Amino acid sequence: MTTATSPRELAHPTRDEIRLEGVLHAFSDPMRLLVLRELAATGEALSCSHFDLPVTKSTTTHHFRVLRESGVIRQMYQGTAKLNGLRRDDLDALFPGLLDSVLAAAARQADRQGEA
């Protein structure tokens, strides 16, 4: 894992350090799937405050940390905002088709449950 060199730089796993079990764990939570779907839909980095998750701020922070430490997202500071970007290139290179399959399954499930 790349280590942070300053308090404003966050540690991320390198592509070679991303593990399937960590990615699957990150995908296993409904709140993290919401974040994943939104990032994939926009295709751009979004601030943490963009997401209106129905959980406490500390729980939201936990979910973003799980996504970052598993290698699903990359977080970086821009001014005072922490931006989150999907690591699609890394995930597609390591696990071809996995991300698209998970996103499609999550969309079908949301449609069945009447969610957006």
PDB file of N, CA and C in Angstrom:
ATOM      1  N   MET A   1       0.855  -1.177   0.000  1.00  0.00           N
ATOM      2  CA  MET A   1       0.000   0.000   0.000  1.00  0.00           C
ATOM      3  C   MET A   1       0.889   1.224   0.000  1.00  0.00           C
ATOM      4  N   THR A   2       0.536   2.166  -0.832  1.00  0.00           N
ATOM      5  CA  THR A   2       1.277   3.420  -0.807  1.00  0.00           C
ATOM      6  C   THR A   2       0.981   4.108   0.514  1.00  0.00           C
ATOM      7  N   THR A   3       1.997   4.624   1.132  1.00  0.00           N
ATOM      8  CA  THR A   3       1.799   5.288   2.410  1.00  0.00           C
ATOM      9  C   THR A   3       1.645   6.784   2.203  1.00  0.00           C
ATOM     10  N   ALA A   4       0.898   7.376   3.090  1.00  0.00           N
ATOM     11  CA  ALA A   4       0.682   8.819   3.019  1.00  0.00           C
ATOM     12  C   ALA A   4       1.951   9.533   3.466  1.00  0.00           C
ATOM     13  N   THR A   5       2.330  10.550   2.726  1.00  0.00           N
ATOM     14  CA  THR A   5       3.517  11.326   3.084  1.00  0.00           C
ATOM     15  C   THR A   5       3.160  12.600   3.830  1.00  0.00           C
ATOM     16  N   SER A   6       1.880  12.936   3.857  1.00  0.00           N
ATOM     17  CA  SER A   6       1.415  14.093   4.603  1.00  0.00           C
ATOM     18  C   SER A   6      -0.005  13.796   5.075  1.00  0.00           C
ATOM     19  N   PRO A   7      -0.491  14.563   6.055  1.00  0.00           N
ATOM     20  CA  PRO A   7      -1.844  14.315   6.559  1.00  0.00           C
ATOM     21  C   PRO A   7      -2.926  14.497   5.490  1.00  0.00           C
ATOM     22  N   ARG A   8      -2.634  15.229   4.440  1.00  0.00           N
ATOM     23  CA  ARG A   8      -3.624  15.476   3.388  1.00  0.00           C
ATOM     24  C   ARG A   8      -3.488  14.495   2.236  1.00  0.00           C
ATOM     25  N   GLU A   9      -2.557  13.568   2.340  1.00  0.00           N
ATOM     26  CA  GLU A   9      -2.384  12.544   1.318  1.00  0.00           C
ATOM     27  C   GLU A   9      -2.784  11.204   1.929  1.00  0.00           C
ATOM     28  N   LEU A  10      -3.671  10.497   1.275  1.00  0.00           N
ATOM     29  CA  LEU A  10      -4.200   9.254   1.811  1.00  0.00           C
ATOM     30  C   LEU A  10      -3.516   8.040   1.192  1.00  0.00           C
ATOM     31  N   ALA A  11      -3.367   6.992   1.982  1.00  0.00           N
ATOM     32  CA  ALA A  11      -2.744   5.760   1.499  1.00  0.00           C
ATOM     33  C   ALA A  11      -3.738   4.966   0.650  1.00  0.00           C
ATOM     34  N   HIS A  12      -3.250   4.435  -0.450  1.00  0.00           N
ATOM     35  CA  HIS A  12      -4.051   3.615  -1.359  1.00  0.00           C
ATOM     36  C   HIS A  12      -3.255   2.375  -1.737  1.00  0.00           C
ATOM     37  N   PRO A  13      -3.929   1.256  -1.958  1.00  0.00           N
ATOM     38  CA  PRO A  13      -3.188   0.098  -2.462  1.00  0.00           C
ATOM     39  C   PRO A  13      -2.777   0.332  -3.916  1.00  0.00           C
ATOM     40  N   THR A  14      -1.613  -0.185  -4.280  1.00  0.00           N
ATOM     41  CA  THR A  14      -1.223  -0.156  -5.679  1.00  0.00           C
ATOM     42  C   THR A  14      -2.094  -1.171  -6.417  1.00  0.00           C
ATOM     43  N   ARG A  15      -2.077  -1.129  -7.733  1.00  0.00           N
ATOM     44  CA  ARG A  15      -2.874  -2.083  -8.512  1.00  0.00           C
ATOM     45  C   ARG A  15      -2.542  -3.521  -8.113  1.00  0.00           C
ATOM     46  N   ASP A  16      -1.260  -3.819  -7.946  1.00  0.00           N
ATOM     47  CA  ASP A  16      -0.842  -5.180  -7.600  1.00  0.00           C
ATOM     48  C   ASP A  16      -1.279  -5.602  -6.206  1.00  0.00           C
ATOM     49  N   GLU A  17      -1.585  -4.659  -5.362  1.00  0.00           N
ATOM     50  CA  GLU A  17      -1.998  -4.968  -3.994  1.00  0.00           C
ATOM     51  C   GLU A  17      -3.511  -5.147  -3.841  1.00  0.00           C
ATOM     52  N   ILE A  18      -4.273  -4.811  -4.851  1.00  0.00           N
ATOM     53  CA  ILE A  18      -5.732  -4.948  -4.782  1.00  0.00           C
ATOM     54  C   ILE A  18      -6.078  -6.431  -4.822  1.00  0.00           C
ATOM     55  N   ARG A  19      -6.857  -6.862  -3.843  1.00  0.00           N
ATOM     56  CA  ARG A  19      -7.212  -8.279  -3.700  1.00  0.00           C
ATOM     57  C   ARG A  19      -8.704  -8.467  -3.952  1.00  0.00           C
ATOM     58  N   LEU A  20      -9.044  -9.554  -4.602  1.00  0.00           N
ATOM     59  CA  LEU A  20     -10.434  -9.847  -4.928  1.00  0.00           C
ATOM     60  C   LEU A  20     -11.305  -9.879  -3.683  1.00  0.00           C
ATOM     61  N   GLU A  21     -10.849 -10.525  -2.627  1.00  0.00           N
ATOM     62  CA  GLU A  21     -11.679 -10.631  -1.421  1.00  0.00           C
ATOM     63  C   GLU A  21     -11.954  -9.259  -0.808  1.00  0.00           C
ATOM     64  N   GLY A  22     -10.997  -8.340  -0.888  1.00  0.00           N
ATOM     65  CA  GLY A  22     -11.216  -6.986  -0.382  1.00  0.00           C
ATOM     66  C   GLY A  22     -12.227  -6.225  -1.220  1.00  0.00           C
ATOM     67  N   VAL A  23     -12.140  -6.382  -2.536  1.00  0.00           N
ATOM     68  CA  VAL A  23     -13.083  -5.720  -3.443  1.00  0.00           C
ATOM     69  C   VAL A  23     -14.487  -6.272  -3.228  1.00  0.00           C
ATOM     70  N   LEU A  24     -14.606  -7.587  -3.129  1.00  0.00           N
ATOM     71  CA  LEU A  24     -15.926  -8.183  -2.904  1.00  0.00           C
ATOM     72  C   LEU A  24     -16.507  -7.745  -1.558  1.00  0.00           C
ATOM     73  N   HIS A  25     -15.665  -7.631  -0.550  1.00  0.00           N
ATOM     74  CA  HIS A  25     -16.130  -7.123   0.745  1.00  0.00           C
ATOM     75  C   HIS A  25     -16.640  -5.690   0.600  1.00  0.00           C
ATOM     76  N   ALA A  26     -15.910  -4.862  -0.130  1.00  0.00           N
ATOM     77  CA  ALA A  26     -16.331  -3.474  -0.330  1.00  0.00           C
ATOM     78  C   ALA A  26     -17.676  -3.413  -1.053  1.00  0.00           C
ATOM     79  N   PHE A  27     -17.894  -4.327  -1.993  1.00  0.00           N
ATOM     80  CA  PHE A  27     -19.154  -4.361  -2.746  1.00  0.00           C
ATOM     81  C   PHE A  27     -20.317  -4.912  -1.930  1.00  0.00           C
ATOM     82  N   SER A  28     -20.037  -5.519  -0.786  1.00  0.00           N
ATOM     83  CA  SER A  28     -21.069  -6.271  -0.061  1.00  0.00           C
ATOM     84  C   SER A  28     -22.021  -5.428   0.778  1.00  0.00           C
ATOM     85  N   ASP A  29     -21.783  -4.152   0.910  1.00  0.00           N
ATOM     86  CA  ASP A  29     -22.629  -3.306   1.756  1.00  0.00           C
ATOM     87  C   ASP A  29     -23.519  -2.411   0.896  1.00  0.00           C
ATOM     88  N   PRO A  30     -24.804  -2.299   1.223  1.00  0.00           N
ATOM     89  CA  PRO A  30     -25.722  -1.471   0.426  1.00  0.00           C
ATOM     90  C   PRO A  30     -25.302  -0.001   0.319  1.00  0.00           C
ATOM     91  N   MET A  31     -24.750   0.564   1.384  1.00  0.00           N
ATOM     92  CA  MET A  31     -24.330   1.972   1.330  1.00  0.00           C
ATOM     93  C   MET A  31     -23.134   2.135   0.387  1.00  0.00           C
ATOM     94  N   ARG A  32     -22.211   1.194   0.447  1.00  0.00           N
ATOM     95  CA  ARG A  32     -21.057   1.275  -0.444  1.00  0.00           C
ATOM     96  C   ARG A  32     -21.474   1.050  -1.893  1.00  0.00           C
ATOM     97  N   LEU A  33     -22.478   0.203  -2.112  1.00  0.00           N
ATOM     98  CA  LEU A  33     -22.998   0.018  -3.473  1.00  0.00           C
ATOM     99  C   LEU A  33     -23.635   1.300  -3.994  1.00  0.00           C
ATOM    100  N   LEU A  34     -24.305   2.050  -3.127  1.00  0.00           N
ATOM    101  CA  LEU A  34     -24.873   3.342  -3.542  1.00  0.00           C
ATOM    102  C   LEU A  34     -23.764   4.283  -4.013  1.00  0.00           C
ATOM    103  N   VAL A  35     -22.689   4.345  -3.252  1.00  0.00           N
ATOM    104  CA  VAL A  35     -21.552   5.197  -3.616  1.00  0.00           C
ATOM    105  C   VAL A  35     -20.967   4.723  -4.939  1.00  0.00           C
ATOM    106  N   LEU A  36     -20.759   3.430  -5.055  1.00  0.00           N
ATOM    107  CA  LEU A  36     -20.202   2.844  -6.271  1.00  0.00           C
ATOM    108  C   LEU A  36     -21.056   3.175  -7.489  1.00  0.00           C
ATOM    109  N   ARG A  37     -22.373   3.008  -7.371  1.00  0.00           N
ATOM    110  CA  ARG A  37     -23.275   3.280  -8.491  1.00  0.00           C
ATOM    111  C   ARG A  37     -23.233   4.749  -8.904  1.00  0.00           C
ATOM    112  N   GLU A  38     -23.181   5.639  -7.931  1.00  0.00           N
ATOM    113  CA  GLU A  38     -23.149   7.078  -8.237  1.00  0.00           C
ATOM    114  C   GLU A  38     -21.837   7.465  -8.914  1.00  0.00           C
ATOM    115  N   LEU A  39     -20.726   6.948  -8.404  1.00  0.00           N
ATOM    116  CA  LEU A  39     -19.439   7.246  -9.026  1.00  0.00           C
ATOM    117  C   LEU A  39     -19.374   6.709 -10.451  1.00  0.00           C
ATOM    118  N   ALA A  40     -19.893   5.507 -10.661  1.00  0.00           N
ATOM    119  CA  ALA A  40     -19.883   4.909 -12.003  1.00  0.00           C
ATOM    120  C   ALA A  40     -20.801   5.687 -12.947  1.00  0.00           C
ATOM    121  N   ALA A  41     -21.933   6.156 -12.437  1.00  0.00           N
ATOM    122  CA  ALA A  41     -22.896   6.873 -13.279  1.00  0.00           C
ATOM    123  C   ALA A  41     -22.356   8.223 -13.732  1.00  0.00           C
ATOM    124  N   THR A  42     -21.645   8.915 -12.856  1.00  0.00           N
ATOM    125  CA  THR A  42     -21.142  10.242 -13.212  1.00  0.00           C
ATOM    126  C   THR A  42     -19.822  10.163 -13.971  1.00  0.00           C
ATOM    127  N   GLY A  43     -19.015   9.149 -13.652  1.00  0.00           N
ATOM    128  CA  GLY A  43     -17.728   9.008 -14.313  1.00  0.00           C
ATOM    129  C   GLY A  43     -16.708  10.049 -13.904  1.00  0.00           C
ATOM    130  N   GLU A  44     -16.966  10.759 -12.836  1.00  0.00           N
ATOM    131  CA  GLU A  44     -16.014  11.770 -12.366  1.00  0.00           C
ATOM    132  C   GLU A  44     -15.883  11.684 -10.862  1.00  0.00           C
ATOM    133  N   ALA A  45     -14.856  12.330 -10.324  1.00  0.00           N
ATOM    134  CA  ALA A  45     -14.635  12.339  -8.886  1.00  0.00           C
ATOM    135  C   ALA A  45     -15.678  13.239  -8.219  1.00  0.00           C
ATOM    136  N   LEU A  46     -16.210  12.761  -7.116  1.00  0.00           N
ATOM    137  CA  LEU A  46     -17.237  13.493  -6.374  1.00  0.00           C
ATOM    138  C   LEU A  46     -16.794  13.659  -4.926  1.00  0.00           C
ATOM    139  N   SER A  47     -17.189  14.767  -4.320  1.00  0.00           N
ATOM    140  CA  SER A  47     -16.831  15.002  -2.919  1.00  0.00           C
ATOM    141  C   SER A  47     -17.676  14.116  -2.010  1.00  0.00           C
ATOM    142  N   CYS A  48     -17.161  13.867  -0.841  1.00  0.00           N
ATOM    143  CA  CYS A  48     -17.899  13.059   0.136  1.00  0.00           C
ATOM    144  C   CYS A  48     -19.256  13.690   0.443  1.00  0.00           C
ATOM    145  N   SER A  49     -19.307  15.019   0.480  1.00  0.00           N
ATOM    146  CA  SER A  49     -20.559  15.703   0.811  1.00  0.00           C
ATOM    147  C   SER A  49     -21.612  15.562  -0.286  1.00  0.00           C
ATOM    148  N   HIS A  50     -21.209  15.132  -1.470  1.00  0.00           N
ATOM    149  CA  HIS A  50     -22.164  14.904  -2.562  1.00  0.00           C
ATOM    150  C   HIS A  50     -23.128  13.771  -2.221  1.00  0.00           C
ATOM    151  N   PHE A  51     -22.670  12.808  -1.441  1.00  0.00           N
ATOM    152  CA  PHE A  51     -23.447  11.616  -1.134  1.00  0.00           C
ATOM    153  C   PHE A  51     -24.295  11.841   0.107  1.00  0.00           C
ATOM    154  N   ASP A  52     -25.581  11.583  -0.025  1.00  0.00           N
ATOM    155  CA  ASP A  52     -26.504  11.750   1.095  1.00  0.00           C
ATOM    156  C   ASP A  52     -26.914  10.360   1.573  1.00  0.00           C
ATOM    157  N   LEU A  53     -26.005   9.719   2.301  1.00  0.00           N
ATOM    158  CA  LEU A  53     -26.275   8.366   2.783  1.00  0.00           C
ATOM    159  C   LEU A  53     -27.083   8.446   4.077  1.00  0.00           C
ATOM    160  N   PRO A  54     -28.034   7.528   4.257  1.00  0.00           N
ATOM    161  CA  PRO A  54     -28.881   7.549   5.457  1.00  0.00           C
ATOM    162  C   PRO A  54     -28.195   6.906   6.670  1.00  0.00           C
ATOM    163  N   VAL A  55     -26.953   7.326   6.919  1.00  0.00           N
ATOM    164  CA  VAL A  55     -26.191   6.830   8.067  1.00  0.00           C
ATOM    165  C   VAL A  55     -25.457   8.009   8.686  1.00  0.00           C
ATOM    166  N   THR A  56     -24.866   7.786   9.855  1.00  0.00           N
ATOM    167  CA  THR A  56     -24.145   8.867  10.522  1.00  0.00           C
ATOM    168  C   THR A  56     -22.885   9.245   9.742  1.00  0.00           C
ATOM    169  N   LYS A  57     -22.354  10.405  10.055  1.00  0.00           N
ATOM    170  CA  LYS A  57     -21.141  10.873   9.382  1.00  0.00           C
ATOM    171  C   LYS A  57     -19.979   9.906   9.622  1.00  0.00           C
ATOM    172  N   SER A  58     -19.860   9.399  10.842  1.00  0.00           N
ATOM    173  CA  SER A  58     -18.755   8.476  11.135  1.00  0.00           C
ATOM    174  C   SER A  58     -18.914   7.166  10.360  1.00  0.00           C
ATOM    175  N   THR A  59     -20.135   6.710  10.174  1.00  0.00           N
ATOM    176  CA  THR A  59     -20.364   5.498   9.396  1.00  0.00           C
ATOM    177  C   THR A  59     -20.073   5.750   7.922  1.00  0.00           C
ATOM    178  N   THR A  60     -20.447   6.922   7.433  1.00  0.00           N
ATOM    179  CA  THR A  60     -20.126   7.293   6.054  1.00  0.00           C
ATOM    180  C   THR A  60     -18.618   7.296   5.856  1.00  0.00           C
ATOM    181  N   THR A  61     -17.884   7.875   6.800  1.00  0.00           N
ATOM    182  CA  THR A  61     -16.424   7.899   6.735  1.00  0.00           C
ATOM    183  C   THR A  61     -15.869   6.476   6.688  1.00  0.00           C
ATOM    184  N   HIS A  62     -16.434   5.601   7.496  1.00  0.00           N
ATOM    185  CA  HIS A  62     -16.012   4.190   7.497  1.00  0.00           C
ATOM    186  C   HIS A  62     -16.211   3.562   6.118  1.00  0.00           C
ATOM    187  N   HIS A  63     -17.359   3.795   5.504  1.00  0.00           N
ATOM    188  CA  HIS A  63     -17.635   3.209   4.193  1.00  0.00           C
ATOM    189  C   HIS A  63     -16.645   3.700   3.136  1.00  0.00           C
ATOM    190  N   PHE A  64     -16.329   4.987   3.149  1.00  0.00           N
ATOM    191  CA  PHE A  64     -15.354   5.511   2.199  1.00  0.00           C
ATOM    192  C   PHE A  64     -13.968   4.918   2.450  1.00  0.00           C
ATOM    193  N   ARG A  65     -13.622   4.720   3.714  1.00  0.00           N
ATOM    194  CA  ARG A  65     -12.325   4.125   4.040  1.00  0.00           C
ATOM    195  C   ARG A  65     -12.238   2.686   3.526  1.00  0.00           C
ATOM    196  N   VAL A  66     -13.311   1.913   3.694  1.00  0.00           N
ATOM    197  CA  VAL A  66     -13.331   0.534   3.187  1.00  0.00           C
ATOM    198  C   VAL A  66     -13.163   0.537   1.665  1.00  0.00           C
ATOM    199  N   LEU A  67     -13.876   1.419   0.984  1.00  0.00           N
ATOM    200  CA  LEU A  67     -13.760   1.501  -0.474  1.00  0.00           C
ATOM    201  C   LEU A  67     -12.341   1.886  -0.899  1.00  0.00           C
ATOM    202  N   ARG A  68     -11.725   2.824  -0.188  1.00  0.00           N
ATOM    203  CA  ARG A  68     -10.365   3.264  -0.528  1.00  0.00           C
ATOM    204  C   ARG A  68      -9.353   2.174  -0.227  1.00  0.00           C
ATOM    205  N   GLU A  69      -9.411   1.592   0.951  1.00  0.00           N
ATOM    206  CA  GLU A  69      -8.410   0.598   1.345  1.00  0.00           C
ATOM    207  C   GLU A  69      -8.513  -0.693   0.543  1.00  0.00           C
ATOM    208  N   SER A  70      -9.680  -0.976  -0.032  1.00  0.00           N
ATOM    209  CA  SER A  70      -9.838  -2.164  -0.872  1.00  0.00           C
ATOM    210  C   SER A  70      -9.369  -1.904  -2.304  1.00  0.00           C
ATOM    211  N   GLY A  71      -9.179  -0.626  -2.656  1.00  0.00           N
ATOM    212  CA  GLY A  71      -8.738  -0.271  -4.002  1.00  0.00           C
ATOM    213  C   GLY A  71      -9.867   0.033  -4.963  1.00  0.00           C
ATOM    214  N   VAL A  72     -11.081   0.151  -4.468  1.00  0.00           N
ATOM    215  CA  VAL A  72     -12.233   0.439  -5.329  1.00  0.00           C
ATOM    216  C   VAL A  72     -12.272   1.909  -5.718  1.00  0.00           C
ATOM    217  N   ILE A  73     -11.906   2.789  -4.795  1.00  0.00           N
ATOM    218  CA  ILE A  73     -11.889   4.224  -5.092  1.00  0.00           C
ATOM    219  C   ILE A  73     -10.527   4.809  -4.762  1.00  0.00           C
ATOM    220  N   ARG A  74     -10.275   5.974  -5.334  1.00  0.00           N
ATOM    221  CA  ARG A  74      -9.100   6.769  -4.989  1.00  0.00           C
ATOM    222  C   ARG A  74      -9.634   8.068  -4.390  1.00  0.00           C
ATOM    223  N   GLN A  75      -9.094   8.435  -3.225  1.00  0.00           N
ATOM    224  CA  GLN A  75      -9.492   9.679  -2.571  1.00  0.00           C
ATOM    225  C   GLN A  75      -8.338  10.666  -2.617  1.00  0.00           C
ATOM    226  N   MET A  76      -8.672  11.931  -2.895  1.00  0.00           N
ATOM    227  CA  MET A  76      -7.669  12.979  -2.910  1.00  0.00           C
ATOM    228  C   MET A  76      -8.317  14.278  -2.451  1.00  0.00           C
ATOM    229  N   TYR A  77      -7.505  15.094  -1.828  1.00  0.00           N
ATOM    230  CA  TYR A  77      -7.996  16.389  -1.383  1.00  0.00           C
ATOM    231  C   TYR A  77      -7.896  17.398  -2.508  1.00  0.00           C
ATOM    232  N   GLN A  78      -8.937  18.215  -2.613  1.00  0.00           N
ATOM    233  CA  GLN A  78      -8.929  19.377  -3.503  1.00  0.00           C
ATOM    234  C   GLN A  78      -9.458  20.523  -2.655  1.00  0.00           C
ATOM    235  N   GLY A  79      -8.550  21.369  -2.227  1.00  0.00           N
ATOM    236  CA  GLY A  79      -8.938  22.402  -1.266  1.00  0.00           C
ATOM    237  C   GLY A  79      -9.339  21.731   0.038  1.00  0.00           C
ATOM    238  N   THR A  80     -10.531  22.050   0.511  1.00  0.00           N
ATOM    239  CA  THR A  80     -11.006  21.439   1.752  1.00  0.00           C
ATOM    240  C   THR A  80     -11.871  20.214   1.502  1.00  0.00           C
ATOM    241  N   ALA A  81     -12.164  19.916   0.240  1.00  0.00           N
ATOM    242  CA  ALA A  81     -13.017  18.779  -0.098  1.00  0.00           C
ATOM    243  C   ALA A  81     -12.180  17.533  -0.352  1.00  0.00           C
ATOM    244  N   LYS A  82     -12.711  16.407   0.078  1.00  0.00           N
ATOM    245  CA  LYS A  82     -12.099  15.124  -0.240  1.00  0.00           C
ATOM    246  C   LYS A  82     -12.885  14.539  -1.407  1.00  0.00           C
ATOM    247  N   LEU A  83     -12.203  14.362  -2.543  1.00  0.00           N
ATOM    248  CA  LEU A  83     -12.843  13.831  -3.740  1.00  0.00           C
ATOM    249  C   LEU A  83     -12.641  12.328  -3.825  1.00  0.00           C
ATOM    250  N   ASN A  84     -13.630  11.658  -4.405  1.00  0.00           N
ATOM    251  CA  ASN A  84     -13.635  10.208  -4.537  1.00  0.00           C
ATOM    252  C   ASN A  84     -13.813   9.851  -5.998  1.00  0.00           C
ATOM    253  N   GLY A  85     -12.893   9.062  -6.516  1.00  0.00           N
ATOM    254  CA  GLY A  85     -12.980   8.625  -7.900  1.00  0.00           C
ATOM    255  C   GLY A  85     -12.914   7.114  -7.985  1.00  0.00           C
ATOM    256  N   LEU A  86     -13.718   6.544  -8.823  1.00  0.00           N
ATOM    257  CA  LEU A  86     -13.743   5.105  -9.038  1.00  0.00           C
ATOM    258  C   LEU A  86     -12.472   4.673  -9.762  1.00  0.00           C
ATOM    259  N   ARG A  87     -11.846   3.615  -9.301  1.00  0.00           N
ATOM    260  CA  ARG A  87     -10.622   3.095  -9.924  1.00  0.00           C
ATOM    261  C   ARG A  87     -10.988   2.051 -10.987  1.00  0.00           C
ATOM    262  N   ARG A  88     -11.817   2.457 -11.915  1.00  0.00           N
ATOM    263  CA  ARG A  88     -12.333   1.544 -12.949  1.00  0.00           C
ATOM    264  C   ARG A  88     -11.208   0.873 -13.735  1.00  0.00           C
ATOM    265  N   ASP A  89     -10.209   1.637 -14.149  1.00  0.00           N
ATOM    266  CA  ASP A  89      -9.123   1.057 -14.946  1.00  0.00           C
ATOM    267  C   ASP A  89      -8.430  -0.078 -14.195  1.00  0.00           C
ATOM    268  N   ASP A  90      -8.133   0.152 -12.927  1.00  0.00           N
ATOM    269  CA  ASP A  90      -7.473  -0.888 -12.129  1.00  0.00           C
ATOM    270  C   ASP A  90      -8.377  -2.104 -11.946  1.00  0.00           C
ATOM    271  N   LEU A  91      -9.633  -1.864 -11.615  1.00  0.00           N
ATOM    272  CA  LEU A  91     -10.554  -2.980 -11.388  1.00  0.00           C
ATOM    273  C   LEU A  91     -10.796  -3.773 -12.669  1.00  0.00           C
ATOM    274  N   ASP A  92     -10.965  -3.073 -13.785  1.00  0.00           N
ATOM    275  CA  ASP A  92     -11.193  -3.768 -15.058  1.00  0.00           C
ATOM    276  C   ASP A  92      -9.963  -4.562 -15.491  1.00  0.00           C
ATOM    277  N   ALA A  93      -8.778  -4.052 -15.214  1.00  0.00           N
ATOM    278  CA  ALA A  93      -7.555  -4.766 -15.582  1.00  0.00           C
ATOM    279  C   ALA A  93      -7.367  -6.023 -14.733  1.00  0.00           C
ATOM    280  N   LEU A  94      -7.686  -5.919 -13.456  1.00  0.00           N
ATOM    281  CA  LEU A  94      -7.490  -7.050 -12.543  1.00  0.00           C
ATOM    282  C   LEU A  94      -8.617  -8.080 -12.613  1.00  0.00           C
ATOM    283  N   PHE A  95      -9.852  -7.596 -12.735  1.00  0.00           N
ATOM    284  CA  PHE A  95     -11.025  -8.467 -12.665  1.00  0.00           C
ATOM    285  C   PHE A  95     -11.974  -8.112 -13.811  1.00  0.00           C
ATOM    286  N   PRO A  96     -11.623  -8.483 -15.040  1.00  0.00           N
ATOM    287  CA  PRO A  96     -12.427  -8.088 -16.207  1.00  0.00           C
ATOM    288  C   PRO A  96     -13.902  -8.473 -16.060  1.00  0.00           C
ATOM    289  N   GLY A  97     -14.775  -7.489 -16.242  1.00  0.00           N
ATOM    290  CA  GLY A  97     -16.211  -7.715 -16.202  1.00  0.00           C
ATOM    291  C   GLY A  97     -16.832  -7.671 -14.818  1.00  0.00           C
ATOM    292  N   LEU A  98     -16.030  -7.734 -13.769  1.00  0.00           N
ATOM    293  CA  LEU A  98     -16.591  -7.780 -12.410  1.00  0.00           C
ATOM    294  C   LEU A  98     -17.359  -6.510 -12.078  1.00  0.00           C
ATOM    295  N   LEU A  99     -16.752  -5.363 -12.291  1.00  0.00           N
ATOM    296  CA  LEU A  99     -17.393  -4.099 -11.931  1.00  0.00           C
ATOM    297  C   LEU A  99     -18.702  -3.911 -12.693  1.00  0.00           C
ATOM    298  N   ASP A 100     -18.686  -4.151 -13.988  1.00  0.00           N
ATOM    299  CA  ASP A 100     -19.906  -3.996 -14.781  1.00  0.00           C
ATOM    300  C   ASP A 100     -20.982  -4.983 -14.342  1.00  0.00           C
ATOM    301  N   SER A 101     -20.589  -6.200 -13.999  1.00  0.00           N
ATOM    302  CA  SER A 101     -21.557  -7.197 -13.530  1.00  0.00           C
ATOM    303  C   SER A 101     -22.188  -6.781 -12.203  1.00  0.00           C
ATOM    304  N   VAL A 102     -21.368  -6.284 -11.290  1.00  0.00           N
ATOM    305  CA  VAL A 102     -21.876  -5.842  -9.989  1.00  0.00           C
ATOM    306  C   VAL A 102     -22.790  -4.634 -10.163  1.00  0.00           C
ATOM    307  N   LEU A 103     -22.391  -3.681 -10.998  1.00  0.00           N
ATOM    308  CA  LEU A 103     -23.227  -2.500 -11.233  1.00  0.00           C
ATOM    309  C   LEU A 103     -24.560  -2.881 -11.877  1.00  0.00           C
ATOM    310  N   ALA A 104     -24.541  -3.797 -12.832  1.00  0.00           N
ATOM    311  CA  ALA A 104     -25.780  -4.231 -13.484  1.00  0.00           C
ATOM    312  C   ALA A 104     -26.683  -4.954 -12.491  1.00  0.00           C
ATOM    313  N   ALA A 105     -26.110  -5.815 -11.663  1.00  0.00           N
ATOM    314  CA  ALA A 105     -26.902  -6.539 -10.665  1.00  0.00           C
ATOM    315  C   ALA A 105     -27.488  -5.575  -9.637  1.00  0.00           C
ATOM    316  N   ALA A 106     -26.707  -4.593  -9.217  1.00  0.00           N
ATOM    317  CA  ALA A 106     -27.200  -3.600  -8.247  1.00  0.00           C
ATOM    318  C   ALA A 106     -28.333  -2.775  -8.840  1.00  0.00           C
ATOM    319  N   ALA A 107     -28.230  -2.436 -10.126  1.00  0.00           N
ATOM    320  CA  ALA A 107     -29.293  -1.669 -10.792  1.00  0.00           C
ATOM    321  C   ALA A 107     -30.570  -2.504 -10.892  1.00  0.00           C
ATOM    322  N   ARG A 108     -30.438  -3.787 -11.251  1.00  0.00           N
ATOM    323  CA  ARG A 108     -31.623  -4.655 -11.327  1.00  0.00           C
ATOM    324  C   ARG A 108     -32.284  -4.787  -9.961  1.00  0.00           C
ATOM    325  N   GLN A 109     -31.471  -4.945  -8.933  1.00  0.00           N
ATOM    326  CA  GLN A 109     -32.016  -5.070  -7.586  1.00  0.00           C
ATOM    327  C   GLN A 109     -32.734  -3.789  -7.169  1.00  0.00           C
ATOM    328  N   ALA A 110     -32.114  -2.650  -7.449  1.00  0.00           N
ATOM    329  CA  ALA A 110     -32.752  -1.358  -7.117  1.00  0.00           C
ATOM    330  C   ALA A 110     -34.060  -1.194  -7.865  1.00  0.00           C
ATOM    331  N   ASP A 111     -34.105  -1.603  -9.133  1.00  0.00           N
ATOM    332  CA  ASP A 111     -35.350  -1.512  -9.913  1.00  0.00           C
ATOM    333  C   ASP A 111     -36.440  -2.382  -9.300  1.00  0.00           C
ATOM    334  N   ARG A 112     -36.077  -3.571  -8.864  1.00  0.00           N
ATOM    335  CA  ARG A 112     -37.064  -4.466  -8.248  1.00  0.00           C
ATOM    336  C   ARG A 112     -37.602  -3.900  -6.948  1.00  0.00           C
ATOM    337  N   GLN A 113     -36.737  -3.165  -6.237  1.00  0.00           N
ATOM    338  CA  GLN A 113     -37.125  -2.597  -4.941  1.00  0.00           C
ATOM    339  C   GLN A 113     -37.702  -1.196  -5.072  1.00  0.00           C
ATOM    340  N   GLY A 114     -37.789  -0.681  -6.311  1.00  0.00           N
ATOM    341  CA  GLY A 114     -38.359   0.638  -6.536  1.00  0.00           C
ATOM    342  C   GLY A 114     -37.455   1.786  -6.124  1.00  0.00           C
ATOM    343  N   GLU A 115     -36.125   1.546  -6.110  1.00  0.00           N
ATOM    344  CA  GLU A 115     -35.184   2.600  -5.778  1.00  0.00           C
ATOM    345  C   GLU A 115     -34.732   3.296  -7.056  1.00  0.00           C
ATOM    346  N   ALA A 116     -34.048   4.420  -6.872  1.00  0.00           N
ATOM    347  CA  ALA A 116     -33.503   5.154  -8.018  1.00  0.00           C
ATOM    348  C   ALA A 116     -32.303   4.463  -8.581  1.00  0.00           C
TER     349      ALA A 116
END
